[in-house]
Every structure is written in structure tokens, then in C-alpha cells.
Amino acid sequence: MPEPPNADLLDRLAEDFPHDVTLGTMFRSPGLRVGGRIFAFLGHGGELILKLPADRAHELVTAGTAQRVTMGTRTMREWIELPTRPDRDATLTLWRTLAHEAHQYVNSLPAP
């Protein structure tokens, strides 16, 4: 399977995290996980998809920074997608900030 768009940005993002973050997959796309749970992964179009608290996700969608993620007919409350920007450095800067929030959030959730 070919590497998805922006896989290099995800690799650069992964370097920012401590040893508790590992690479994984979600829906056959590369992602980042903590404690065995995915907190960020690439969508098939190269956008970054993150898990954040529902109120923070709503805030980012309302501000126009992110879009809701819909899986089938279900709109996810805690999952958002961040589109890429023409400037890859600007994309990575935004992704870094919000991926760290997602990491902290997912790491704080009780174990399944």
C-alpha cells in the first residue's frame, strides 16, 4: 500500500513525543498511540485526525480550525480533522500544538 500524503509530517510529529508514544494504525492509516490507544492518525487525504475532549473539539470546529469527523452516518464528538495548509511548516505547527493536547487527553483517560 502506498504511503499516505503527509506521512513525513506525522513522522516529524512523532519525534516530539516522549518514549510512551508508539506508531500504530487506525483504519489502515499510520497514527500515534499512547497506552495502546490512538490519539492521532492520518486521514486518507493526508489530514490529521485527533481525539480531543468534546468541548475542545466543538471549540475548534466553531472557530473554523477543524472539521468534525463522520464515520459512516455517525458524527464523532471527540474526533476532529485538521486540513493541511499550503505552507507545510504552518501545518506542522498547528498539528504539533493540537496533537500534544490529544496526547495529554487520551493519556488521562482510564484504561479500557
Protein backbone atom coordinates (compact mmCIF):
# COMPACT_ATOMS: atom_id res chain seq x y z
CA MET A 1 0.00 0.00 0.00
CA PRO A 2 1.44 3.42 -0.89
CA GLU A 3 2.40 5.83 1.85
CA PRO A 4 -0.42 8.32 2.55
CA PRO A 5 0.06 12.04 1.93
CA ASN A 6 1.85 13.83 4.77
CA ALA A 7 3.30 10.66 6.31
CA ASP A 8 6.56 12.59 6.61
CA LEU A 9 4.79 15.24 8.71
CA LEU A 10 3.42 12.53 11.00
CA ASP A 11 6.95 11.14 11.39
CA ARG A 12 8.25 14.59 12.32
CA LEU A 13 5.37 14.99 14.76
CA ALA A 14 6.16 11.63 16.38
CA GLU A 15 9.68 12.85 17.18
CA ASP A 16 8.18 15.49 19.51
CA PHE A 17 6.73 12.97 21.92
CA PRO A 18 8.26 11.08 24.83
CA HIS A 19 9.04 7.39 24.78
CA ASP A 20 5.45 6.48 25.71
CA VAL A 21 4.22 7.25 22.16
CA THR A 22 4.40 4.50 19.56
CA LEU A 23 3.40 4.24 15.94
CA GLY A 24 0.22 2.34 15.20
CA THR A 25 -2.58 2.21 12.65
CA MET A 26 -6.21 3.25 12.54
CA PHE A 27 -8.30 2.30 9.51
CA ARG A 28 -5.08 1.18 7.77
CA SER A 29 -3.58 4.65 8.19
CA PRO A 30 -0.49 5.49 10.26
CA GLY A 31 -1.07 7.02 13.64
CA LEU A 32 0.31 7.75 17.08
CA ARG A 33 -0.75 5.96 20.22
CA VAL A 34 -0.20 6.22 23.93
CA GLY A 35 -1.01 3.37 26.29
CA GLY A 36 -2.10 1.32 23.29
CA ARG A 37 -4.75 3.89 22.28
CA ILE A 38 -4.65 6.02 19.14
CA PHE A 39 -4.75 9.77 19.72
CA ALA A 40 -3.77 10.94 16.22
CA PHE A 41 -3.77 9.42 12.75
CA LEU A 42 -3.64 10.47 9.13
CA GLY A 43 -6.82 10.50 7.09
CA HIS A 44 -6.65 9.07 3.59
CA GLY A 45 -6.36 12.59 2.16
CA GLY A 46 -3.39 13.46 4.39
CA GLU A 47 -5.31 15.43 7.03
CA LEU A 48 -4.52 14.84 10.71
CA ILE A 49 -7.33 13.33 12.77
CA LEU A 50 -7.17 13.82 16.55
CA LYS A 51 -9.11 12.76 19.63
CA LEU A 52 -9.83 15.67 21.98
CA PRO A 53 -12.37 16.37 24.71
CA ALA A 54 -15.79 17.02 23.14
CA ASP A 55 -15.90 20.66 24.32
CA ARG A 56 -12.44 21.40 22.88
CA ALA A 57 -13.37 19.69 19.60
CA HIS A 58 -16.52 21.82 19.42
CA GLU A 59 -14.48 24.97 20.08
CA LEU A 60 -12.06 24.19 17.23
CA VAL A 61 -14.88 23.37 14.81
CA THR A 62 -16.75 26.56 15.72
CA ALA A 63 -13.57 28.60 15.18
CA GLY A 64 -13.14 27.05 11.73
CA THR A 65 -9.80 25.48 12.64
CA ALA A 66 -11.05 21.90 12.36
CA GLN A 67 -13.88 19.82 10.97
CA ARG A 68 -15.91 17.09 12.63
CA VAL A 69 -15.13 13.52 11.69
CA THR A 70 -18.03 11.42 10.42
CA MET A 71 -17.69 7.65 10.30
CA GLY A 72 -20.49 6.18 8.25
CA THR A 73 -23.54 8.13 9.39
CA ARG A 74 -22.20 8.93 12.85
CA THR A 75 -20.55 12.25 13.63
CA MET A 76 -17.91 11.73 16.28
CA ARG A 77 -17.97 14.09 19.28
CA GLU A 78 -14.31 13.76 20.21
CA TRP A 79 -12.64 13.30 16.82
CA ILE A 80 -11.70 16.22 14.58
CA GLU A 81 -9.75 16.57 11.38
CA LEU A 82 -7.21 19.26 10.68
CA PRO A 83 -6.81 20.00 6.99
CA THR A 84 -3.38 20.71 5.62
CA ARG A 85 -2.34 24.22 4.71
CA PRO A 86 -0.36 25.33 1.66
CA ASP A 87 2.57 26.08 4.00
CA ARG A 88 3.76 22.72 5.36
CA ASP A 89 5.59 24.39 8.26
CA ALA A 90 2.34 26.12 9.30
CA THR A 91 0.57 22.77 9.03
CA LEU A 92 3.15 21.11 11.28
CA THR A 93 3.00 23.94 13.83
CA LEU A 94 -0.78 23.60 14.16
CA TRP A 95 -0.59 19.81 14.24
CA ARG A 96 2.05 19.89 16.99
CA THR A 97 0.01 22.11 19.28
CA LEU A 98 -3.18 20.11 18.98
CA ALA A 99 -1.51 16.69 18.90
CA HIS A 100 0.05 17.44 22.28
CA GLU A 101 -3.43 18.26 23.60
CA ALA A 102 -4.74 14.99 22.15
CA HIS A 103 -1.85 13.03 23.68
CA GLN A 104 -2.50 14.53 27.09
CA TYR A 105 -6.24 13.88 26.83
CA VAL A 106 -6.01 10.25 25.70
CA ASN A 107 -3.27 9.53 28.23
CA SER A 108 -5.55 10.83 31.00
CA LEU A 109 -8.45 8.50 30.12
CA PRO A 110 -9.00 5.44 32.29
CA ALA A 111 -7.66 2.19 30.88
CA PRO A 112 -10.25 0.21 28.91
